[in-house]
């Protein structure tokens, strides 16, 4: 997977927010043989300057029997959209 942000870095991530990426179709990912672990290092500049990198090892095999919750009803979808709208609104207020 070639994502510009991972190659060139991300310019910003607002406090309390998250980024998500689609890594593929579950049955294809878990059908792969061999090591499924990935080392992720996050380095950044905080308000007081550079912060020591934080490293994680993500092993996709550990996720094989977990479920991913997606809103299943229109009401749940509407609530999810309302929550996102509220989060975006709070960003505007912070500026």
PDB file of N, CA and C in Angstrom:
ATOM      1  N   UNK A   1       0.847  -1.155   0.000  1.00  0.00           N
ATOM      2  CA  UNK A   1       0.000   0.000   0.000  1.00  0.00           C
ATOM      3  C   UNK A   1       0.904   1.233   0.000  1.00  0.00           C
ATOM      4  N   UNK A   2       0.683   2.142  -0.918  1.00  0.00           N
ATOM      5  CA  UNK A   2       1.488   3.344  -1.022  1.00  0.00           C
ATOM      6  C   UNK A   2       0.616   4.558  -0.727  1.00  0.00           C
ATOM      7  N   UNK A   3       0.737   5.096   0.476  1.00  0.00           N
ATOM      8  CA  UNK A   3      -0.031   6.267   0.873  1.00  0.00           C
ATOM      9  C   UNK A   3       0.937   7.425   1.100  1.00  0.00           C
ATOM     10  N   UNK A   4       0.701   8.546   0.426  1.00  0.00           N
ATOM     11  CA  UNK A   4       1.606   9.693   0.499  1.00  0.00           C
ATOM     12  C   UNK A   4       1.930  10.113   1.925  1.00  0.00           C
ATOM     13  N   UNK A   5       0.921  10.152   2.777  1.00  0.00           N
ATOM     14  CA  UNK A   5       1.150  10.599   4.151  1.00  0.00           C
ATOM     15  C   UNK A   5       2.178   9.771   4.884  1.00  0.00           C
ATOM     16  N   UNK A   6       2.201   8.471   4.615  1.00  0.00           N
ATOM     17  CA  UNK A   6       3.164   7.612   5.294  1.00  0.00           C
ATOM     18  C   UNK A   6       4.563   7.775   4.717  1.00  0.00           C
ATOM     19  N   UNK A   7       4.656   8.188   3.489  1.00  0.00           N
ATOM     20  CA  UNK A   7       5.952   8.401   2.862  1.00  0.00           C
ATOM     21  C   UNK A   7       6.481   9.792   3.176  1.00  0.00           C
ATOM     22  N   UNK A   8       5.622  10.789   3.052  1.00  0.00           N
ATOM     23  CA  UNK A   8       6.040  12.180   3.195  1.00  0.00           C
ATOM     24  C   UNK A   8       5.690  12.806   4.538  1.00  0.00           C
ATOM     25  N   UNK A   9       4.896  12.130   5.346  1.00  0.00           N
ATOM     26  CA  UNK A   9       4.475  12.662   6.633  1.00  0.00           C
ATOM     27  C   UNK A   9       3.169  13.428   6.522  1.00  0.00           C
ATOM     28  N   UNK A  10       2.469  13.556   7.640  1.00  0.00           N
ATOM     29  CA  UNK A  10       1.215  14.295   7.713  1.00  0.00           C
ATOM     30  C   UNK A  10       1.505  15.640   8.341  1.00  0.00           C
ATOM     31  N   UNK A  11       0.906  16.681   7.805  1.00  0.00           N
ATOM     32  CA  UNK A  11       1.209  18.020   8.326  1.00  0.00           C
ATOM     33  C   UNK A  11       0.540  18.286   9.667  1.00  0.00           C
ATOM     34  N   UNK A  12      -0.619  17.673   9.937  1.00  0.00           N
ATOM     35  CA  UNK A  12      -1.309  17.952  11.200  1.00  0.00           C
ATOM     36  C   UNK A  12      -2.375  16.907  11.465  1.00  0.00           C
ATOM     37  N   UNK A  13      -2.700  16.745  12.724  1.00  0.00           N
ATOM     38  CA  UNK A  13      -3.829  15.937  13.172  1.00  0.00           C
ATOM     39  C   UNK A  13      -4.409  16.662  14.373  1.00  0.00           C
ATOM     40  N   UNK A  14      -5.629  17.199  14.250  1.00  0.00           N
ATOM     41  CA  UNK A  14      -6.216  17.947  15.362  1.00  0.00           C
ATOM     42  C   UNK A  14      -6.314  17.090  16.628  1.00  0.00           C
ATOM     43  N   UNK A  15      -6.161  17.706  17.790  1.00  0.00           N
ATOM     44  CA  UNK A  15      -6.257  16.966  19.060  1.00  0.00           C
ATOM     45  C   UNK A  15      -7.574  16.199  19.171  1.00  0.00           C
ATOM     46  N   UNK A  16      -7.480  14.972  19.653  1.00  0.00           N
ATOM     47  CA  UNK A  16      -8.670  14.164  19.885  1.00  0.00           C
ATOM     48  C   UNK A  16      -9.268  13.553  18.632  1.00  0.00           C
ATOM     49  N   UNK A  17      -8.607  13.674  17.503  1.00  0.00           N
ATOM     50  CA  UNK A  17      -9.143  13.125  16.254  1.00  0.00           C
ATOM     51  C   UNK A  17      -8.359  11.886  15.857  1.00  0.00           C
ATOM     52  N   UNK A  18      -8.817  11.203  14.838  1.00  0.00           N
ATOM     53  CA  UNK A  18      -8.145   9.991  14.387  1.00  0.00           C
ATOM     54  C   UNK A  18      -8.196   9.901  12.874  1.00  0.00           C
ATOM     55  N   UNK A  19      -7.295   9.089  12.336  1.00  0.00           N
ATOM     56  CA  UNK A  19      -7.285   8.784  10.908  1.00  0.00           C
ATOM     57  C   UNK A  19      -7.453   7.279  10.779  1.00  0.00           C
ATOM     58  N   UNK A  20      -8.162   6.847   9.751  1.00  0.00           N
ATOM     59  CA  UNK A  20      -8.366   5.416   9.512  1.00  0.00           C
ATOM     60  C   UNK A  20      -8.096   5.104   8.054  1.00  0.00           C
ATOM     61  N   UNK A  21      -7.557   3.913   7.812  1.00  0.00           N
ATOM     62  CA  UNK A  21      -7.280   3.472   6.456  1.00  0.00           C
ATOM     63  C   UNK A  21      -7.821   2.076   6.242  1.00  0.00           C
ATOM     64  N   UNK A  22      -8.248   1.834   5.043  1.00  0.00           N
ATOM     65  CA  UNK A  22      -8.705   0.512   4.632  1.00  0.00           C
ATOM     66  C   UNK A  22      -7.473  -0.294   4.249  1.00  0.00           C
ATOM     67  N   UNK A  23      -7.245  -1.432   4.884  1.00  0.00           N
ATOM     68  CA  UNK A  23      -6.046  -2.218   4.587  1.00  0.00           C
ATOM     69  C   UNK A  23      -6.322  -3.421   3.705  1.00  0.00           C
ATOM     70  N   UNK A  24      -7.573  -3.644   3.372  1.00  0.00           N
ATOM     71  CA  UNK A  24      -7.876  -4.749   2.470  1.00  0.00           C
ATOM     72  C   UNK A  24      -9.073  -5.553   2.926  1.00  0.00           C
ATOM     73  N   UNK A  25      -9.364  -6.586   2.192  1.00  0.00           N
ATOM     74  CA  UNK A  25     -10.482  -7.478   2.495  1.00  0.00           C
ATOM     75  C   UNK A  25     -10.008  -8.508   3.518  1.00  0.00           C
ATOM     76  N   UNK A  26     -10.747  -8.600   4.618  1.00  0.00           N
ATOM     77  CA  UNK A  26     -10.338  -9.458   5.733  1.00  0.00           C
ATOM     78  C   UNK A  26      -9.957 -10.865   5.340  1.00  0.00           C
ATOM     79  N   UNK A  27     -10.799 -11.505   4.555  1.00  0.00           N
ATOM     80  CA  UNK A  27     -10.513 -12.911   4.220  1.00  0.00           C
ATOM     81  C   UNK A  27      -9.213 -13.047   3.421  1.00  0.00           C
ATOM     82  N   UNK A  28      -8.849 -12.003   2.651  1.00  0.00           N
ATOM     83  CA  UNK A  28      -7.595 -12.048   1.899  1.00  0.00           C
ATOM     84  C   UNK A  28      -6.400 -11.765   2.798  1.00  0.00           C
ATOM     85  N   UNK A  29      -6.568 -10.829   3.708  1.00  0.00           N
ATOM     86  CA  UNK A  29      -5.477 -10.490   4.630  1.00  0.00           C
ATOM     87  C   UNK A  29      -5.145 -11.685   5.507  1.00  0.00           C
ATOM     88  N   UNK A  30      -6.174 -12.329   6.068  1.00  0.00           N
ATOM     89  CA  UNK A  30      -5.932 -13.424   6.999  1.00  0.00           C
ATOM     90  C   UNK A  30      -5.561 -14.722   6.298  1.00  0.00           C
ATOM     91  N   UNK A  31      -5.743 -14.798   4.989  1.00  0.00           N
ATOM     92  CA  UNK A  31      -5.350 -15.995   4.243  1.00  0.00           C
ATOM     93  C   UNK A  31      -3.849 -15.987   3.930  1.00  0.00           C
ATOM     94  N   UNK A  32      -3.210 -14.841   4.077  1.00  0.00           N
ATOM     95  CA  UNK A  32      -1.778 -14.728   3.777  1.00  0.00           C
ATOM     96  C   UNK A  32      -0.962 -15.568   4.745  1.00  0.00           C
ATOM     97  N   UNK A  33       0.077 -16.159   4.222  1.00  0.00           N
ATOM     98  CA  UNK A  33       0.989 -16.956   5.050  1.00  0.00           C
ATOM     99  C   UNK A  33       2.112 -16.064   5.567  1.00  0.00           C
ATOM    100  N   UNK A  34       2.762 -16.517   6.624  1.00  0.00           N
ATOM    101  CA  UNK A  34       3.935 -15.819   7.128  1.00  0.00           C
ATOM    102  C   UNK A  34       3.608 -14.745   8.146  1.00  0.00           C
ATOM    103  N   UNK A  35       4.638 -13.976   8.436  1.00  0.00           N
ATOM    104  CA  UNK A  35       4.555 -12.937   9.454  1.00  0.00           C
ATOM    105  C   UNK A  35       3.566 -11.851   9.036  1.00  0.00           C
ATOM    106  N   UNK A  36       2.687 -11.492   9.949  1.00  0.00           N
ATOM    107  CA  UNK A  36       1.702 -10.440   9.695  1.00  0.00           C
ATOM    108  C   UNK A  36       1.928  -9.258  10.626  1.00  0.00           C
ATOM    109  N   UNK A  37       3.132  -9.162  11.198  1.00  0.00           N
ATOM    110  CA  UNK A  37       3.386  -8.059  12.127  1.00  0.00           C
ATOM    111  C   UNK A  37       4.050  -6.893  11.398  1.00  0.00           C
ATOM    112  N   UNK A  38       3.711  -5.700  11.849  1.00  0.00           N
ATOM    113  CA  UNK A  38       4.225  -4.474  11.250  1.00  0.00           C
ATOM    114  C   UNK A  38       4.647  -3.534  12.363  1.00  0.00           C
ATOM    115  N   UNK A  39       5.837  -2.957  12.241  1.00  0.00           N
ATOM    116  CA  UNK A  39       6.327  -1.998  13.228  1.00  0.00           C
ATOM    117  C   UNK A  39       5.945  -0.597  12.754  1.00  0.00           C
ATOM    118  N   UNK A  40       5.266   0.125  13.625  1.00  0.00           N
ATOM    119  CA  UNK A  40       4.818   1.484  13.327  1.00  0.00           C
ATOM    120  C   UNK A  40       5.543   2.424  14.281  1.00  0.00           C
ATOM    121  N   UNK A  41       6.209   3.436  13.740  1.00  0.00           N
ATOM    122  CA  UNK A  41       6.889   4.441  14.561  1.00  0.00           C
ATOM    123  C   UNK A  41       6.240   5.790  14.284  1.00  0.00           C
ATOM    124  N   UNK A  42       5.868   6.482  15.349  1.00  0.00           N
ATOM    125  CA  UNK A  42       5.239   7.793  15.225  1.00  0.00           C
ATOM    126  C   UNK A  42       6.150   8.819  15.885  1.00  0.00           C
ATOM    127  N   UNK A  43       6.579   9.786  15.086  1.00  0.00           N
ATOM    128  CA  UNK A  43       7.371  10.882  15.647  1.00  0.00           C
ATOM    129  C   UNK A  43       6.661  12.180  15.284  1.00  0.00           C
ATOM    130  N   UNK A  44       6.777  13.156  16.155  1.00  0.00           N
ATOM    131  CA  UNK A  44       6.040  14.398  15.922  1.00  0.00           C
ATOM    132  C   UNK A  44       6.638  15.544  16.711  1.00  0.00           C
ATOM    133  N   UNK A  45       6.192  16.728  16.371  1.00  0.00           N
ATOM    134  CA  UNK A  45       6.556  17.944  17.086  1.00  0.00           C
ATOM    135  C   UNK A  45       5.323  18.395  17.846  1.00  0.00           C
ATOM    136  N   UNK A  46       5.430  18.460  19.160  1.00  0.00           N
ATOM    137  CA  UNK A  46       4.341  18.949  19.987  1.00  0.00           C
ATOM    138  C   UNK A  46       4.483  20.442  20.204  1.00  0.00           C
ATOM    139  N   UNK A  47       3.644  21.021  21.042  1.00  0.00           N
ATOM    140  CA  UNK A  47       3.710  22.460  21.306  1.00  0.00           C
ATOM    141  C   UNK A  47       5.059  22.906  21.880  1.00  0.00           C
ATOM    142  N   UNK A  48       5.753  21.955  22.543  1.00  0.00           N
ATOM    143  CA  UNK A  48       7.046  22.291  23.149  1.00  0.00           C
ATOM    144  C   UNK A  48       8.223  21.755  22.349  1.00  0.00           C
ATOM    145  N   UNK A  49       7.987  21.374  21.094  1.00  0.00           N
ATOM    146  CA  UNK A  49       9.072  20.888  20.237  1.00  0.00           C
ATOM    147  C   UNK A  49       8.962  19.398  19.966  1.00  0.00           C
ATOM    148  N   UNK A  50      10.062  18.806  19.454  1.00  0.00           N
ATOM    149  CA  UNK A  50      10.041  17.384  19.091  1.00  0.00           C
ATOM    150  C   UNK A  50       9.795  16.481  20.298  1.00  0.00           C
ATOM    151  N   UNK A  51       9.107  15.376  20.056  1.00  0.00           N
ATOM    152  CA  UNK A  51       8.811  14.384  21.087  1.00  0.00           C
ATOM    153  C   UNK A  51       9.454  13.068  20.647  1.00  0.00           C
ATOM    154  N   UNK A  52       9.987  12.304  21.607  1.00  0.00           N
ATOM    155  CA  UNK A  52      10.600  11.024  21.257  1.00  0.00           C
ATOM    156  C   UNK A  52       9.597  10.144  20.512  1.00  0.00           C
ATOM    157  N   UNK A  53      10.059   9.419  19.492  1.00  0.00           N
ATOM    158  CA  UNK A  53       9.145   8.554  18.733  1.00  0.00           C
ATOM    159  C   UNK A  53       8.477   7.501  19.617  1.00  0.00           C
ATOM    160  N   UNK A  54       7.247   7.188  19.281  1.00  0.00           N
ATOM    161  CA  UNK A  54       6.505   6.112  19.933  1.00  0.00           C
ATOM    162  C   UNK A  54       6.410   4.975  18.932  1.00  0.00           C
ATOM    163  N   UNK A  55       6.734   3.763  19.350  1.00  0.00           N
ATOM    164  CA  UNK A  55       6.700   2.623  18.437  1.00  0.00           C
ATOM    165  C   UNK A  55       5.684   1.599  18.888  1.00  0.00           C
ATOM    166  N   UNK A  56       5.008   1.016  17.901  1.00  0.00           N
ATOM    167  CA  UNK A  56       4.027  -0.038  18.130  1.00  0.00           C
ATOM    168  C   UNK A  56       4.330  -1.184  17.185  1.00  0.00           C
ATOM    169  N   UNK A  57       4.019  -2.394  17.606  1.00  0.00           N
ATOM    170  CA  UNK A  57       4.050  -3.533  16.699  1.00  0.00           C
ATOM    171  C   UNK A  57       2.608  -3.998  16.551  1.00  0.00           C
ATOM    172  N   UNK A  58       2.101  -3.961  15.333  1.00  0.00           N
ATOM    173  CA  UNK A  58       0.742  -4.406  15.046  1.00  0.00           C
ATOM    174  C   UNK A  58       0.823  -5.765  14.377  1.00  0.00           C
ATOM    175  N   UNK A  59       0.235  -6.755  14.999  1.00  0.00           N
ATOM    176  CA  UNK A  59       0.210  -8.095  14.420  1.00  0.00           C
ATOM    177  C   UNK A  59      -1.218  -8.376  13.955  1.00  0.00           C
ATOM    178  N   UNK A  60      -1.426  -8.379  12.657  1.00  0.00           N
ATOM    179  CA  UNK A  60      -2.766  -8.559  12.111  1.00  0.00           C
ATOM    180  C   UNK A  60      -3.373  -9.917  12.458  1.00  0.00           C
ATOM    181  N   UNK A  61      -2.535 -10.906  12.738  1.00  0.00           N
ATOM    182  CA  UNK A  61      -3.068 -12.225  13.121  1.00  0.00           C
ATOM    183  C   UNK A  61      -3.883 -12.150  14.411  1.00  0.00           C
ATOM    184  N   UNK A  62      -3.541 -11.182  15.283  1.00  0.00           N
ATOM    185  CA  UNK A  62      -4.273 -11.035  16.542  1.00  0.00           C
ATOM    186  C   UNK A  62      -5.692 -10.528  16.319  1.00  0.00           C
ATOM    187  N   UNK A  63      -5.960  -9.972  15.159  1.00  0.00           N
ATOM    188  CA  UNK A  63      -7.277  -9.410  14.854  1.00  0.00           C
ATOM    189  C   UNK A  63      -8.180 -10.393  14.125  1.00  0.00           C
ATOM    190  N   UNK A  64      -7.693 -11.575  13.865  1.00  0.00           N
ATOM    191  CA  UNK A  64      -8.416 -12.523  13.012  1.00  0.00           C
ATOM    192  C   UNK A  64      -9.825 -12.835  13.504  1.00  0.00           C
ATOM    193  N   UNK A  65     -10.032 -12.946  14.783  1.00  0.00           N
ATOM    194  CA  UNK A  65     -11.341 -13.349  15.306  1.00  0.00           C
ATOM    195  C   UNK A  65     -12.074 -12.200  16.007  1.00  0.00           C
ATOM    196  N   UNK A  66     -11.755 -10.973  15.626  1.00  0.00           N
ATOM    197  CA  UNK A  66     -12.463  -9.830  16.184  1.00  0.00           C
ATOM    198  C   UNK A  66     -13.512  -9.356  15.200  1.00  0.00           C
ATOM    199  N   UNK A  67     -14.464  -8.610  15.693  1.00  0.00           N
ATOM    200  CA  UNK A  67     -15.474  -8.081  14.783  1.00  0.00           C
ATOM    201  C   UNK A  67     -15.305  -6.578  14.690  1.00  0.00           C
ATOM    202  N   UNK A  68     -15.714  -6.039  13.573  1.00  0.00           N
ATOM    203  CA  UNK A  68     -15.682  -4.604  13.351  1.00  0.00           C
ATOM    204  C   UNK A  68     -17.123  -4.148  13.314  1.00  0.00           C
ATOM    205  N   UNK A  69     -17.447  -3.199  14.171  1.00  0.00           N
ATOM    206  CA  UNK A  69     -18.824  -2.732  14.255  1.00  0.00           C
ATOM    207  C   UNK A  69     -19.047  -1.614  13.258  1.00  0.00           C
ATOM    208  N   UNK A  70     -20.054  -1.749  12.468  1.00  0.00           N
ATOM    209  CA  UNK A  70     -20.478  -0.721  11.522  1.00  0.00           C
ATOM    210  C   UNK A  70     -21.944  -0.441  11.809  1.00  0.00           C
ATOM    211  N   UNK A  71     -22.362   0.828  11.776  1.00  0.00           N
ATOM    212  CA  UNK A  71     -23.789   1.098  12.005  1.00  0.00           C
ATOM    213  C   UNK A  71     -24.660   0.220  11.104  1.00  0.00           C
ATOM    214  N   UNK A  72     -25.609  -0.483  11.718  1.00  0.00           N
ATOM    215  CA  UNK A  72     -26.414  -1.456  10.973  1.00  0.00           C
ATOM    216  C   UNK A  72     -27.808  -0.939  10.626  1.00  0.00           C
ATOM    217  N   UNK A  73     -28.229   0.129  11.273  1.00  0.00           N
ATOM    218  CA  UNK A  73     -29.554   0.655  10.995  1.00  0.00           C
ATOM    219  C   UNK A  73     -29.439   2.117  10.576  1.00  0.00           C
ATOM    220  N   UNK A  74     -30.481   2.641   9.973  1.00  0.00           N
ATOM    221  CA  UNK A  74     -30.470   4.038   9.564  1.00  0.00           C
ATOM    222  C   UNK A  74     -30.328   4.948  10.784  1.00  0.00           C
ATOM    223  N   UNK A  75     -30.965   4.586  11.896  1.00  0.00           N
ATOM    224  CA  UNK A  75     -30.864   5.395  13.117  1.00  0.00           C
ATOM    225  C   UNK A  75     -29.418   5.453  13.605  1.00  0.00           C
ATOM    226  N   UNK A  76     -28.731   4.324  13.590  1.00  0.00           N
ATOM    227  CA  UNK A  76     -27.337   4.297  14.025  1.00  0.00           C
ATOM    228  C   UNK A  76     -26.452   5.111  13.080  1.00  0.00           C
ATOM    229  N   UNK A  77     -26.733   5.040  11.795  1.00  0.00           N
ATOM    230  CA  UNK A  77     -25.981   5.821  10.822  1.00  0.00           C
ATOM    231  C   UNK A  77     -26.193   7.321  11.050  1.00  0.00           C
ATOM    232  N   UNK A  78     -27.444   7.718  11.298  1.00  0.00           N
ATOM    233  CA  UNK A  78     -27.748   9.130  11.571  1.00  0.00           C
ATOM    234  C   UNK A  78     -27.008   9.589  12.825  1.00  0.00           C
ATOM    235  N   UNK A  79     -26.988   8.779  13.864  1.00  0.00           N
ATOM    236  CA  UNK A  79     -26.285   9.145  15.099  1.00  0.00           C
ATOM    237  C   UNK A  79     -24.784   9.289  14.846  1.00  0.00           C
ATOM    238  N   UNK A  80     -24.214   8.414  14.030  1.00  0.00           N
ATOM    239  CA  UNK A  80     -22.790   8.506  13.708  1.00  0.00           C
ATOM    240  C   UNK A  80     -22.498   9.800  12.950  1.00  0.00           C
ATOM    241  N   UNK A  81     -23.354  10.178  12.021  1.00  0.00           N
ATOM    242  CA  UNK A  81     -23.176  11.412  11.262  1.00  0.00           C
ATOM    243  C   UNK A  81     -23.314  12.622  12.184  1.00  0.00           C
ATOM    244  N   UNK A  82     -24.262  12.580  13.116  1.00  0.00           N
ATOM    245  CA  UNK A  82     -24.423  13.680  14.072  1.00  0.00           C
ATOM    246  C   UNK A  82     -23.155  13.846  14.912  1.00  0.00           C
ATOM    247  N   UNK A  83     -22.578  12.734  15.343  1.00  0.00           N
ATOM    248  CA  UNK A  83     -21.359  12.799  16.156  1.00  0.00           C
ATOM    249  C   UNK A  83     -20.217  13.411  15.359  1.00  0.00           C
ATOM    250  N   UNK A  84     -20.091  13.044  14.087  1.00  0.00           N
ATOM    251  CA  UNK A  84     -19.039  13.614  13.246  1.00  0.00           C
ATOM    252  C   UNK A  84     -19.276  15.104  13.004  1.00  0.00           C
ATOM    253  N   UNK A  85     -20.531  15.479  12.787  1.00  0.00           N
ATOM    254  CA  UNK A  85     -20.868  16.887  12.573  1.00  0.00           C
ATOM    255  C   UNK A  85     -20.509  17.704  13.808  1.00  0.00           C
ATOM    256  N   UNK A  86     -20.788  17.172  14.990  1.00  0.00           N
ATOM    257  CA  UNK A  86     -20.455  17.853  16.237  1.00  0.00           C
ATOM    258  C   UNK A  86     -18.938  18.007  16.368  1.00  0.00           C
ATOM    259  N   UNK A  87     -18.194  16.945  16.019  1.00  0.00           N
ATOM    260  CA  UNK A  87     -16.738  17.011  16.108  1.00  0.00           C
ATOM    261  C   UNK A  87     -16.181  18.066  15.156  1.00  0.00           C
ATOM    262  N   UNK A  88     -16.718  18.140  13.944  1.00  0.00           N
ATOM    263  CA  UNK A  88     -16.265  19.138  12.973  1.00  0.00           C
ATOM    264  C   UNK A  88     -16.605  20.540  13.473  1.00  0.00           C
ATOM    265  N   UNK A  89     -17.784  20.687  14.045  1.00  0.00           N
ATOM    266  CA  UNK A  89     -18.185  21.991  14.608  1.00  0.00           C
ATOM    267  C   UNK A  89     -17.254  22.452  15.701  1.00  0.00           C
ATOM    268  N   UNK A  90     -16.802  21.516  16.538  1.00  0.00           N
ATOM    269  CA  UNK A  90     -15.888  21.905  17.625  1.00  0.00           C
ATOM    270  C   UNK A  90     -14.541  22.351  17.081  1.00  0.00           C
ATOM    271  N   UNK A  91     -14.141  21.821  15.926  1.00  0.00           N
ATOM    272  CA  UNK A  91     -12.910  22.280  15.295  1.00  0.00           C
ATOM    273  C   UNK A  91     -13.020  23.737  14.872  1.00  0.00           C
ATOM    274  N   UNK A  92     -14.163  24.093  14.313  1.00  0.00           N
ATOM    275  CA  UNK A  92     -14.381  25.480  13.883  1.00  0.00           C
ATOM    276  C   UNK A  92     -14.356  26.425  15.074  1.00  0.00           C
ATOM    277  N   UNK A  93     -14.904  25.982  16.221  1.00  0.00           N
ATOM    278  CA  UNK A  93     -14.945  26.822  17.410  1.00  0.00           C
ATOM    279  C   UNK A  93     -13.552  27.054  17.971  1.00  0.00           C
ATOM    280  N   UNK A  94     -12.654  26.046  17.829  1.00  0.00           N
ATOM    281  CA  UNK A  94     -11.295  26.154  18.358  1.00  0.00           C
ATOM    282  C   UNK A  94     -10.467  27.162  17.563  1.00  0.00           C
ATOM    283  N   UNK A  95     -10.837  27.393  16.323  1.00  0.00           N
ATOM    284  CA  UNK A  95     -10.056  28.308  15.482  1.00  0.00           C
ATOM    285  C   UNK A  95     -10.375  29.678  15.846  1.00  0.00           C
TER     286      UNK A  95
END
